Amino acid sequence: DANSHLDVKYHHRRFSSRLDEFMRISHAVVVTPGGIGTLL
């Protein structure tokens, strides 16, 4: 489940649509430490 600190929550079944939504609704990207998912 998602964490409990969200004002707006969108659900995705596939990483592909989720990645596209990140790009669509964001004006900037900050990458912090992470593994395979963050590298993707």
PDB file of all heavy atoms in Angstrom:
ATOM      1  N   ASP A   1       0.840  -1.193   0.000  1.00  0.00           N
ATOM      2  CA  ASP A   1       0.000   0.000   0.000  1.00  0.00           C
ATOM      3  C   ASP A   1       0.874   1.240   0.000  1.00  0.00           C
ATOM      4  O   ASP A   1       2.055   1.202   0.352  1.00  0.00           O
ATOM      5  CB  ASP A   1      -0.910   0.000   1.229  1.00  0.00           C
ATOM      6  CG  ASP A   1      -2.087   0.954   1.051  1.00  0.00           C
ATOM      7  OD1 ASP A   1      -2.253   1.480  -0.067  1.00  0.00           O
ATOM      8  OD2 ASP A   1      -2.820   1.179   2.030  1.00  0.00           O
ATOM      9  N   ALA A   2       0.278   2.354  -0.388  1.00  0.00           N
ATOM     10  CA  ALA A   2       1.000   3.621  -0.400  1.00  0.00           C
ATOM     11  C   ALA A   2       1.208   4.123   1.023  1.00  0.00           C
ATOM     12  O   ALA A   2       0.520   3.711   1.963  1.00  0.00           O
ATOM     13  CB  ALA A   2       0.209   4.637  -1.216  1.00  0.00           C
ATOM     14  N   ASN A   3       2.176   5.023   1.186  1.00  0.00           N
ATOM     15  CA  ASN A   3       2.359   5.612   2.508  1.00  0.00           C
ATOM     16  C   ASN A   3       1.192   6.552   2.828  1.00  0.00           C
ATOM     17  O   ASN A   3       0.402   6.898   1.949  1.00  0.00           O
ATOM     18  CB  ASN A   3       3.724   6.313   2.614  1.00  0.00           C
ATOM     19  CG  ASN A   3       3.821   7.569   1.756  1.00  0.00           C
ATOM     20  OD1 ASN A   3       3.097   8.543   1.960  1.00  0.00           O
ATOM     21  ND2 ASN A   3       4.744   7.562   0.789  1.00  0.00           N
ATOM     22  N   SER A   4       1.111   6.963   4.073  1.00  0.00           N
ATOM     23  CA  SER A   4      -0.070   7.699   4.551  1.00  0.00           C
ATOM     24  C   SER A   4       0.115   9.215   4.515  1.00  0.00           C
ATOM     25  O   SER A   4      -0.606   9.937   5.209  1.00  0.00           O
ATOM     26  CB  SER A   4      -0.401   7.262   5.983  1.00  0.00           C
ATOM     27  OG  SER A   4       0.692   7.525   6.852  1.00  0.00           O
ATOM     28  N   HIS A   5       1.039   9.701   3.705  1.00  0.00           N
ATOM     29  CA  HIS A   5       1.349  11.138   3.709  1.00  0.00           C
ATOM     30  C   HIS A   5       1.095  11.768   2.337  1.00  0.00           C
ATOM     31  O   HIS A   5       1.853  12.639   1.895  1.00  0.00           O
ATOM     32  CB  HIS A   5       2.811  11.346   4.130  1.00  0.00           C
ATOM     33  CG  HIS A   5       3.161  10.668   5.418  1.00  0.00           C
ATOM     34  ND1 HIS A   5       2.836  11.190   6.652  1.00  0.00           N
ATOM     35  CD2 HIS A   5       3.767   9.477   5.653  1.00  0.00           C
ATOM     36  CE1 HIS A   5       3.247  10.367   7.601  1.00  0.00           C
ATOM     37  NE2 HIS A   5       3.823   9.332   7.023  1.00  0.00           N
ATOM     38  N   LEU A   6       0.028  11.331   1.692  1.00  0.00           N
ATOM     39  CA  LEU A   6      -0.271  11.773   0.335  1.00  0.00           C
ATOM     40  C   LEU A   6      -1.547  12.604   0.298  1.00  0.00           C
ATOM     41  O   LEU A   6      -2.543  12.263   0.937  1.00  0.00           O
ATOM     42  CB  LEU A   6      -0.435  10.564  -0.595  1.00  0.00           C
ATOM     43  CG  LEU A   6       0.728   9.568  -0.641  1.00  0.00           C
ATOM     44  CD1 LEU A   6       0.358   8.378  -1.515  1.00  0.00           C
ATOM     45  CD2 LEU A   6       1.997  10.234  -1.146  1.00  0.00           C
ATOM     46  N   ASP A   7      -1.506  13.687  -0.462  1.00  0.00           N
ATOM     47  CA  ASP A   7      -2.709  14.452  -0.750  1.00  0.00           C
ATOM     48  C   ASP A   7      -3.399  13.929  -2.003  1.00  0.00           C
ATOM     49  O   ASP A   7      -4.623  13.969  -2.113  1.00  0.00           O
ATOM     50  CB  ASP A   7      -2.368  15.940  -0.955  1.00  0.00           C
ATOM     51  CG  ASP A   7      -1.792  16.577   0.291  1.00  0.00           C
ATOM     52  OD1 ASP A   7      -2.391  16.411   1.363  1.00  0.00           O
ATOM     53  OD2 ASP A   7      -0.734  17.228   0.193  1.00  0.00           O
ATOM     54  N   VAL A   8      -2.587  13.457  -2.942  1.00  0.00           N
ATOM     55  CA  VAL A   8      -3.094  12.955  -4.212  1.00  0.00           C
ATOM     56  C   VAL A   8      -2.420  11.615  -4.484  1.00  0.00           C
ATOM     57  O   VAL A   8      -1.196  11.505  -4.404  1.00  0.00           O
ATOM     58  CB  VAL A   8      -2.800  13.920  -5.380  1.00  0.00           C
ATOM     59  CG1 VAL A   8      -3.399  13.381  -6.674  1.00  0.00           C
ATOM     60  CG2 VAL A   8      -3.340  15.315  -5.075  1.00  0.00           C
ATOM     61  N   LYS A   9      -3.223  10.601  -4.794  1.00  0.00           N
ATOM     62  CA  LYS A   9      -2.663   9.276  -5.066  1.00  0.00           C
ATOM     63  C   LYS A   9      -3.200   8.750  -6.386  1.00  0.00           C
ATOM     64  O   LYS A   9      -4.400   8.747  -6.626  1.00  0.00           O
ATOM     65  CB  LYS A   9      -3.023   8.297  -3.937  1.00  0.00           C
ATOM     66  CG  LYS A   9      -2.477   6.884  -4.156  1.00  0.00           C
ATOM     67  CD  LYS A   9      -2.632   6.023  -2.915  1.00  0.00           C
ATOM     68  CE  LYS A   9      -4.077   5.669  -2.630  1.00  0.00           C
ATOM     69  NZ  LYS A   9      -4.215   4.698  -1.520  1.00  0.00           N
ATOM     70  N   TYR A  10      -2.293   8.314  -7.254  1.00  0.00           N
ATOM     71  CA  TYR A  10      -2.647   7.656  -8.513  1.00  0.00           C
ATOM     72  C   TYR A  10      -2.109   6.236  -8.476  1.00  0.00           C
ATOM     73  O   TYR A  10      -0.984   5.997  -8.040  1.00  0.00           O
ATOM     74  CB  TYR A  10      -2.051   8.400  -9.714  1.00  0.00           C
ATOM     75  CG  TYR A  10      -2.543   9.802  -9.895  1.00  0.00           C
ATOM     76  CD1 TYR A  10      -1.648  10.855 -10.081  1.00  0.00           C
ATOM     77  CD2 TYR A  10      -3.904  10.098  -9.879  1.00  0.00           C
ATOM     78  CE1 TYR A  10      -2.095  12.157 -10.257  1.00  0.00           C
ATOM     79  CE2 TYR A  10      -4.355  11.395 -10.057  1.00  0.00           C
ATOM     80  CZ  TYR A  10      -3.451  12.417 -10.244  1.00  0.00           C
ATOM     81  OH  TYR A  10      -3.908  13.706 -10.410  1.00  0.00           O
ATOM     82  N   HIS A  11      -2.932   5.310  -8.955  1.00  0.00           N
ATOM     83  CA  HIS A  11      -2.518   3.909  -8.942  1.00  0.00           C
ATOM     84  C   HIS A  11      -2.139   3.462 -10.349  1.00  0.00           C
ATOM     85  O   HIS A  11      -2.828   3.780 -11.326  1.00  0.00           O
ATOM     86  CB  HIS A  11      -3.650   3.021  -8.415  1.00  0.00           C
ATOM     87  CG  HIS A  11      -3.321   1.570  -8.462  1.00  0.00           C
ATOM     88  ND1 HIS A  11      -2.445   0.979  -7.568  1.00  0.00           N
ATOM     89  CD2 HIS A  11      -3.721   0.587  -9.309  1.00  0.00           C
ATOM     90  CE1 HIS A  11      -2.345  -0.308  -7.862  1.00  0.00           C
ATOM     91  NE2 HIS A  11      -3.095  -0.569  -8.911  1.00  0.00           N
ATOM     92  N   HIS A  12      -1.036   2.715 -10.443  1.00  0.00           N
ATOM     93  CA  HIS A  12      -0.588   2.163 -11.721  1.00  0.00           C
ATOM     94  C   HIS A  12      -0.352   0.666 -11.590  1.00  0.00           C
ATOM     95  O   HIS A  12       0.165   0.200 -10.571  1.00  0.00           O
ATOM     96  CB  HIS A  12       0.704   2.851 -12.185  1.00  0.00           C
ATOM     97  CG  HIS A  12       0.504   4.257 -12.638  1.00  0.00           C
ATOM     98  ND1 HIS A  12       0.283   4.589 -13.954  1.00  0.00           N
ATOM     99  CD2 HIS A  12       0.470   5.423 -11.946  1.00  0.00           C
ATOM    100  CE1 HIS A  12       0.128   5.897 -14.056  1.00  0.00           C
ATOM    101  NE2 HIS A  12       0.231   6.427 -12.853  1.00  0.00           N
ATOM    102  N   ARG A  13      -0.729  -0.054 -12.636  1.00  0.00           N
ATOM    103  CA  ARG A  13      -0.489  -1.492 -12.668  1.00  0.00           C
ATOM    104  C   ARG A  13       0.837  -1.835 -13.332  1.00  0.00           C
ATOM    105  O   ARG A  13       1.379  -2.908 -13.117  1.00  0.00           O
ATOM    106  CB  ARG A  13      -1.635  -2.190 -13.414  1.00  0.00           C
ATOM    107  CG  ARG A  13      -2.986  -2.078 -12.712  1.00  0.00           C
ATOM    108  CD  ARG A  13      -4.096  -2.680 -13.553  1.00  0.00           C
ATOM    109  NE  ARG A  13      -3.853  -4.079 -13.843  1.00  0.00           N
ATOM    110  CZ  ARG A  13      -4.595  -4.808 -14.677  1.00  0.00           C
ATOM    111  NH1 ARG A  13      -5.610  -4.245 -15.311  1.00  0.00           N
ATOM    112  NH2 ARG A  13      -4.320  -6.073 -14.876  1.00  0.00           N
ATOM    113  N   ARG A  14       1.353  -0.918 -14.146  1.00  0.00           N
ATOM    114  CA  ARG A  14       2.585  -1.178 -14.882  1.00  0.00           C
ATOM    115  C   ARG A  14       3.580  -0.036 -14.671  1.00  0.00           C
ATOM    116  O   ARG A  14       3.196   1.136 -14.554  1.00  0.00           O
ATOM    117  CB  ARG A  14       2.289  -1.333 -16.378  1.00  0.00           C
ATOM    118  CG  ARG A  14       1.320  -2.454 -16.704  1.00  0.00           C
ATOM    119  CD  ARG A  14       0.994  -2.479 -18.187  1.00  0.00           C
ATOM    120  NE  ARG A  14       2.167  -2.834 -18.976  1.00  0.00           N
ATOM    121  CZ  ARG A  14       2.505  -4.079 -19.274  1.00  0.00           C
ATOM    122  NH1 ARG A  14       1.772  -5.087 -18.842  1.00  0.00           N
ATOM    123  NH2 ARG A  14       3.578  -4.333 -20.001  1.00  0.00           N
ATOM    124  N   PHE A  15       4.854  -0.412 -14.644  1.00  0.00           N
ATOM    125  CA  PHE A  15       5.893   0.594 -14.482  1.00  0.00           C
ATOM    126  C   PHE A  15       5.917   1.563 -15.656  1.00  0.00           C
ATOM    127  O   PHE A  15       6.237   2.745 -15.493  1.00  0.00           O
ATOM    128  CB  PHE A  15       7.267  -0.074 -14.349  1.00  0.00           C
ATOM    129  CG  PHE A  15       7.553  -0.595 -12.968  1.00  0.00           C
ATOM    130  CD1 PHE A  15       7.457  -1.944 -12.684  1.00  0.00           C
ATOM    131  CD2 PHE A  15       7.912   0.277 -11.953  1.00  0.00           C
ATOM    132  CE1 PHE A  15       7.723  -2.418 -11.414  1.00  0.00           C
ATOM    133  CE2 PHE A  15       8.179  -0.182 -10.673  1.00  0.00           C
ATOM    134  CZ  PHE A  15       8.081  -1.541 -10.396  1.00  0.00           C
ATOM    135  N   SER A  16       5.599   1.087 -16.851  1.00  0.00           N
ATOM    136  CA  SER A  16       5.677   1.935 -18.037  1.00  0.00           C
ATOM    137  C   SER A  16       4.738   3.139 -17.934  1.00  0.00           C
ATOM    138  O   SER A  16       5.138   4.282 -18.184  1.00  0.00           O
ATOM    139  CB  SER A  16       5.373   1.127 -19.303  1.00  0.00           C
ATOM    140  OG  SER A  16       4.116   0.466 -19.188  1.00  0.00           O
ATOM    141  N   SER A  17       3.479   2.902 -17.546  1.00  0.00           N
ATOM    142  CA  SER A  17       2.540   4.024 -17.438  1.00  0.00           C
ATOM    143  C   SER A  17       2.909   4.933 -16.271  1.00  0.00           C
ATOM    144  O   SER A  17       2.745   6.158 -16.337  1.00  0.00           O
ATOM    145  CB  SER A  17       1.108   3.500 -17.273  1.00  0.00           C
ATOM    146  OG  SER A  17       0.952   2.824 -16.033  1.00  0.00           O
ATOM    147  N   ARG A  18       3.440   4.340 -15.225  1.00  0.00           N
ATOM    148  CA  ARG A  18       3.855   5.125 -14.059  1.00  0.00           C
ATOM    149  C   ARG A  18       5.012   6.065 -14.420  1.00  0.00           C
ATOM    150  O   ARG A  18       5.001   7.243 -14.060  1.00  0.00           O
ATOM    151  CB  ARG A  18       4.267   4.170 -12.948  1.00  0.00           C
ATOM    152  CG  ARG A  18       4.620   4.819 -11.616  1.00  0.00           C
ATOM    153  CD  ARG A  18       5.348   3.804 -10.785  1.00  0.00           C
ATOM    154  NE  ARG A  18       5.351   4.103  -9.365  1.00  0.00           N
ATOM    155  CZ  ARG A  18       6.256   3.595  -8.527  1.00  0.00           C
ATOM    156  NH1 ARG A  18       7.193   2.783  -8.992  1.00  0.00           N
ATOM    157  NH2 ARG A  18       6.218   3.882  -7.239  1.00  0.00           N
ATOM    158  N   LEU A  19       5.991   5.552 -15.142  1.00  0.00           N
ATOM    159  CA  LEU A  19       7.122   6.382 -15.551  1.00  0.00           C
ATOM    160  C   LEU A  19       6.663   7.547 -16.425  1.00  0.00           C
ATOM    161  O   LEU A  19       7.133   8.675 -16.277  1.00  0.00           O
ATOM    162  CB  LEU A  19       8.142   5.523 -16.297  1.00  0.00           C
ATOM    163  CG  LEU A  19       8.958   4.553 -15.433  1.00  0.00           C
ATOM    164  CD1 LEU A  19       9.673   3.537 -16.319  1.00  0.00           C
ATOM    165  CD2 LEU A  19       9.968   5.304 -14.577  1.00  0.00           C
ATOM    166  N   ASP A  20       5.740   7.256 -17.340  1.00  0.00           N
ATOM    167  CA  ASP A  20       5.243   8.315 -18.211  1.00  0.00           C
ATOM    168  C   ASP A  20       4.498   9.381 -17.412  1.00  0.00           C
ATOM    169  O   ASP A  20       4.586  10.575 -17.736  1.00  0.00           O
ATOM    170  CB  ASP A  20       4.329   7.732 -19.292  1.00  0.00           C
ATOM    171  CG  ASP A  20       5.113   7.020 -20.382  1.00  0.00           C
ATOM    172  OD1 ASP A  20       6.293   7.373 -20.589  1.00  0.00           O
ATOM    173  OD2 ASP A  20       4.561   6.106 -21.021  1.00  0.00           O
ATOM    174  N   GLU A  21       3.779   8.969 -16.371  1.00  0.00           N
ATOM    175  CA  GLU A  21       3.066   9.979 -15.581  1.00  0.00           C
ATOM    176  C   GLU A  21       4.035  10.839 -14.777  1.00  0.00           C
ATOM    177  O   GLU A  21       3.828  12.048 -14.638  1.00  0.00           O
ATOM    178  CB  GLU A  21       2.041   9.335 -14.656  1.00  0.00           C
ATOM    179  CG  GLU A  21       1.242  10.382 -13.892  1.00  0.00           C
ATOM    180  CD  GLU A  21      -0.140   9.914 -13.478  1.00  0.00           C
ATOM    181  OE1 GLU A  21      -0.378   8.688 -13.415  1.00  0.00           O
ATOM    182  OE2 GLU A  21      -0.979  10.795 -13.216  1.00  0.00           O
ATOM    183  N   PHE A  22       5.098  10.233 -14.255  1.00  0.00           N
ATOM    184  CA  PHE A  22       6.135  11.043 -13.602  1.00  0.00           C
ATOM    185  C   PHE A  22       6.607  12.159 -14.539  1.00  0.00           C
ATOM    186  O   PHE A  22       6.736  13.314 -14.134  1.00  0.00           O
ATOM    187  CB  PHE A  22       7.336  10.172 -13.231  1.00  0.00           C
ATOM    188  CG  PHE A  22       7.214   9.450 -11.924  1.00  0.00           C
ATOM    189  CD1 PHE A  22       7.351   8.069 -11.856  1.00  0.00           C
ATOM    190  CD2 PHE A  22       6.992  10.140 -10.745  1.00  0.00           C
ATOM    191  CE1 PHE A  22       7.253   7.393 -10.653  1.00  0.00           C
ATOM    192  CE2 PHE A  22       6.894   9.484  -9.526  1.00  0.00           C
ATOM    193  CZ  PHE A  22       7.027   8.099  -9.485  1.00  0.00           C
ATOM    194  N   MET A  23       6.883  11.778 -15.778  1.00  0.00           N
ATOM    195  CA  MET A  23       7.396  12.757 -16.740  1.00  0.00           C
ATOM    196  C   MET A  23       6.339  13.798 -17.092  1.00  0.00           C
ATOM    197  O   MET A  23       6.639  14.975 -17.261  1.00  0.00           O
ATOM    198  CB  MET A  23       7.854  12.048 -18.017  1.00  0.00           C
ATOM    199  CG  MET A  23       8.985  11.044 -17.823  1.00  0.00           C
ATOM    200  SD  MET A  23      10.497  11.770 -17.131  1.00  0.00           S
ATOM    201  CE  MET A  23      10.407  11.236 -15.414  1.00  0.00           C
ATOM    202  N   ARG A  24       5.091  13.361 -17.190  1.00  0.00           N
ATOM    203  CA  ARG A  24       4.011  14.247 -17.632  1.00  0.00           C
ATOM    204  C   ARG A  24       3.700  15.330 -16.604  1.00  0.00           C
ATOM    205  O   ARG A  24       3.427  16.474 -16.970  1.00  0.00           O
ATOM    206  CB  ARG A  24       2.754  13.421 -17.917  1.00  0.00           C
ATOM    207  CG  ARG A  24       1.571  14.258 -18.370  1.00  0.00           C
ATOM    208  CD  ARG A  24       0.420  13.412 -18.857  1.00  0.00           C
ATOM    209  NE  ARG A  24      -0.101  12.502 -17.846  1.00  0.00           N
ATOM    210  CZ  ARG A  24       0.041  11.179 -17.856  1.00  0.00           C
ATOM    211  NH1 ARG A  24       0.706  10.599 -18.829  1.00  0.00           N
ATOM    212  NH2 ARG A  24      -0.466  10.439 -16.907  1.00  0.00           N
ATOM    213  N   ILE A  25       3.726  14.992 -15.325  1.00  0.00           N
ATOM    214  CA  ILE A  25       3.241  15.945 -14.331  1.00  0.00           C
ATOM    215  C   ILE A  25       4.356  16.689 -13.616  1.00  0.00           C
ATOM    216  O   ILE A  25       4.076  17.537 -12.759  1.00  0.00           O
ATOM    217  CB  ILE A  25       2.326  15.264 -13.294  1.00  0.00           C
ATOM    218  CG1 ILE A  25       3.115  14.320 -12.380  1.00  0.00           C
ATOM    219  CG2 ILE A  25       1.192  14.521 -13.981  1.00  0.00           C
ATOM    220  CD1 ILE A  25       2.278  13.735 -11.254  1.00  0.00           C
ATOM    221  N   SER A  26       5.622  16.416 -13.963  1.00  0.00           N
ATOM    222  CA  SER A  26       6.733  17.028 -13.235  1.00  0.00           C
ATOM    223  C   SER A  26       7.486  18.040 -14.092  1.00  0.00           C
ATOM    224  O   SER A  26       7.615  17.866 -15.301  1.00  0.00           O
ATOM    225  CB  SER A  26       7.708  15.953 -12.749  1.00  0.00           C
ATOM    226  OG  SER A  26       7.058  15.044 -11.884  1.00  0.00           O
ATOM    227  N   HIS A  27       8.016  19.059 -13.413  1.00  0.00           N
ATOM    228  CA  HIS A  27       8.825  20.075 -14.078  1.00  0.00           C
ATOM    229  C   HIS A  27      10.312  19.861 -13.831  1.00  0.00           C
ATOM    230  O   HIS A  27      11.147  20.486 -14.495  1.00  0.00           O
ATOM    231  CB  HIS A  27       8.430  21.466 -13.583  1.00  0.00           C
ATOM    232  CG  HIS A  27       6.995  21.798 -13.824  1.00  0.00           C
ATOM    233  ND1 HIS A  27       6.004  21.571 -12.880  1.00  0.00           N
ATOM    234  CD2 HIS A  27       6.361  22.298 -14.916  1.00  0.00           C
ATOM    235  CE1 HIS A  27       4.842  21.952 -13.373  1.00  0.00           C
ATOM    236  NE2 HIS A  27       5.020  22.390 -14.598  1.00  0.00           N
ATOM    237  N   ALA A  28      10.646  19.035 -12.860  1.00  0.00           N
ATOM    238  CA  ALA A  28      12.044  18.754 -12.540  1.00  0.00           C
ATOM    239  C   ALA A  28      12.124  17.377 -11.903  1.00  0.00           C
ATOM    240  O   ALA A  28      11.132  16.855 -11.380  1.00  0.00           O
ATOM    241  CB  ALA A  28      12.605  19.809 -11.595  1.00  0.00           C
ATOM    242  N   VAL A  29      13.324  16.802 -11.936  1.00  0.00           N
ATOM    243  CA  VAL A  29      13.556  15.472 -11.373  1.00  0.00           C
ATOM    244  C   VAL A  29      14.783  15.517 -10.474  1.00  0.00           C
ATOM    245  O   VAL A  29      15.831  16.052 -10.860  1.00  0.00           O
ATOM    246  CB  VAL A  29      13.774  14.430 -12.491  1.00  0.00           C
ATOM    247  CG1 VAL A  29      14.280  13.107 -11.919  1.00  0.00           C
ATOM    248  CG2 VAL A  29      12.487  14.208 -13.265  1.00  0.00           C
ATOM    249  N   VAL A  30      14.644  14.960  -9.271  1.00  0.00           N
ATOM    250  CA  VAL A  30      15.773  14.804  -8.362  1.00  0.00           C
ATOM    251  C   VAL A  30      15.899  13.314  -8.039  1.00  0.00           C
ATOM    252  O   VAL A  30      14.933  12.684  -7.591  1.00  0.00           O
ATOM    253  CB  VAL A  30      15.577  15.606  -7.059  1.00  0.00           C
ATOM    254  CG1 VAL A  30      16.755  15.365  -6.118  1.00  0.00           C
ATOM    255  CG2 VAL A  30      15.422  17.088  -7.359  1.00  0.00           C
ATOM    256  N   VAL A  31      17.091  12.762  -8.261  1.00  0.00           N
ATOM    257  CA  VAL A  31      17.338  11.348  -8.004  1.00  0.00           C
ATOM    258  C   VAL A  31      18.189  11.224  -6.748  1.00  0.00           C
ATOM    259  O   VAL A  31      19.306  11.761  -6.688  1.00  0.00           O
ATOM    260  CB  VAL A  31      18.044  10.674  -9.189  1.00  0.00           C
ATOM    261  CG1 VAL A  31      18.173   9.174  -8.936  1.00  0.00           C
ATOM    262  CG2 VAL A  31      17.290  10.919 -10.492  1.00  0.00           C
ATOM    263  N   THR A  32      17.673  10.541  -5.747  1.00  0.00           N
ATOM    264  CA  THR A  32      18.384  10.314  -4.490  1.00  0.00           C
ATOM    265  C   THR A  32      18.812   8.848  -4.442  1.00  0.00           C
ATOM    266  O   THR A  32      18.505   8.084  -5.358  1.00  0.00           O
ATOM    267  CB  THR A  32      17.474  10.682  -3.304  1.00  0.00           C
ATOM    268  OG1 THR A  32      16.361   9.773  -3.244  1.00  0.00           O
ATOM    269  CG2 THR A  32      16.951  12.115  -3.438  1.00  0.00           C
ATOM    270  N   PRO A  33      19.561   8.421  -3.416  1.00  0.00           N
ATOM    271  CA  PRO A  33      20.073   7.049  -3.403  1.00  0.00           C
ATOM    272  C   PRO A  33      18.988   5.993  -3.591  1.00  0.00           C
ATOM    273  O   PRO A  33      17.898   6.089  -3.030  1.00  0.00           O
ATOM    274  CB  PRO A  33      20.719   6.943  -2.014  1.00  0.00           C
ATOM    275  CG  PRO A  33      21.193   8.333  -1.738  1.00  0.00           C
ATOM    276  CD  PRO A  33      20.106   9.217  -2.297  1.00  0.00           C
ATOM    277  N   GLY A  34      19.305   4.998  -4.392  1.00  0.00           N
ATOM    278  CA  GLY A  34      18.345   3.938  -4.657  1.00  0.00           C
ATOM    279  C   GLY A  34      18.956   2.795  -5.437  1.00  0.00           C
ATOM    280  O   GLY A  34      20.133   2.845  -5.826  1.00  0.00           O
ATOM    281  N   GLY A  35      18.143   1.771  -5.692  1.00  0.00           N
ATOM    282  CA  GLY A  35      18.598   0.575  -6.382  1.00  0.00           C
ATOM    283  C   GLY A  35      18.081   0.489  -7.805  1.00  0.00           C
ATOM    284  O   GLY A  35      18.042   1.476  -8.534  1.00  0.00           O
ATOM    285  N   ILE A  36      17.628  -0.710  -8.187  1.00  0.00           N
ATOM    286  CA  ILE A  36      17.241  -0.952  -9.573  1.00  0.00           C
ATOM    287  C   ILE A  36      16.085  -0.061  -9.998  1.00  0.00           C
ATOM    288  O   ILE A  36      16.089   0.511 -11.093  1.00  0.00           O
ATOM    289  CB  ILE A  36      16.883  -2.444  -9.773  1.00  0.00           C
ATOM    290  CG1 ILE A  36      18.134  -3.307  -9.587  1.00  0.00           C
ATOM    291  CG2 ILE A  36      16.297  -2.673 -11.169  1.00  0.00           C
ATOM    292  CD1 ILE A  36      17.861  -4.800  -9.639  1.00  0.00           C
ATOM    293  N   GLY A  37      15.071   0.080  -9.149  1.00  0.00           N
ATOM    294  CA  GLY A  37      13.928   0.912  -9.510  1.00  0.00           C
ATOM    295  C   GLY A  37      14.321   2.365  -9.717  1.00  0.00           C
ATOM    296  O   GLY A  37      13.870   3.025 -10.658  1.00  0.00           O
ATOM    297  N   THR A  38      15.185   2.868  -8.844  1.00  0.00           N
ATOM    298  CA  THR A  38      15.643   4.245  -8.971  1.00  0.00           C
ATOM    299  C   THR A  38      16.508   4.418 -10.216  1.00  0.00           C
ATOM    300  O   THR A  38      16.423   5.441 -10.910  1.00  0.00           O
ATOM    301  CB  THR A  38      16.430   4.653  -7.712  1.00  0.00           C
ATOM    302  OG1 THR A  38      15.603   4.444  -6.558  1.00  0.00           O
ATOM    303  CG2 THR A  38      16.841   6.124  -7.763  1.00  0.00           C
ATOM    304  N   LEU A  39      17.335   3.412 -10.514  1.00  0.00           N
ATOM    305  CA  LEU A  39      18.144   3.457 -11.735  1.00  0.00           C
ATOM    306  C   LEU A  39      17.254   3.470 -12.982  1.00  0.00           C
ATOM    307  O   LEU A  39      17.541   4.167 -13.954  1.00  0.00           O
ATOM    308  CB  LEU A  39      19.096   2.268 -11.784  1.00  0.00           C
ATOM    309  CG  LEU A  39      20.303   2.357 -10.851  1.00  0.00           C
ATOM    310  CD1 LEU A  39      20.991   0.993 -10.744  1.00  0.00           C
ATOM    311  CD2 LEU A  39      21.293   3.395 -11.355  1.00  0.00           C
ATOM    312  N   LEU A  40      16.173   2.694 -12.930  1.00  0.00           N
ATOM    313  CA  LEU A  40      15.228   2.702 -14.047  1.00  0.00           C
ATOM    314  C   LEU A  40      14.679   4.103 -14.263  1.00  0.00           C
ATOM    315  O   LEU A  40      14.627   4.599 -15.398  1.00  0.00           O
ATOM    316  CB  LEU A  40      14.085   1.719 -13.773  1.00  0.00           C
ATOM    317  CG  LEU A  40      12.905   1.737 -14.742  1.00  0.00           C
ATOM    318  CD1 LEU A  40      13.343   1.263 -16.125  1.00  0.00           C
ATOM    319  CD2 LEU A  40      11.768   0.855 -14.218  1.00  0.00           C
TER     320      LEU A  40
END
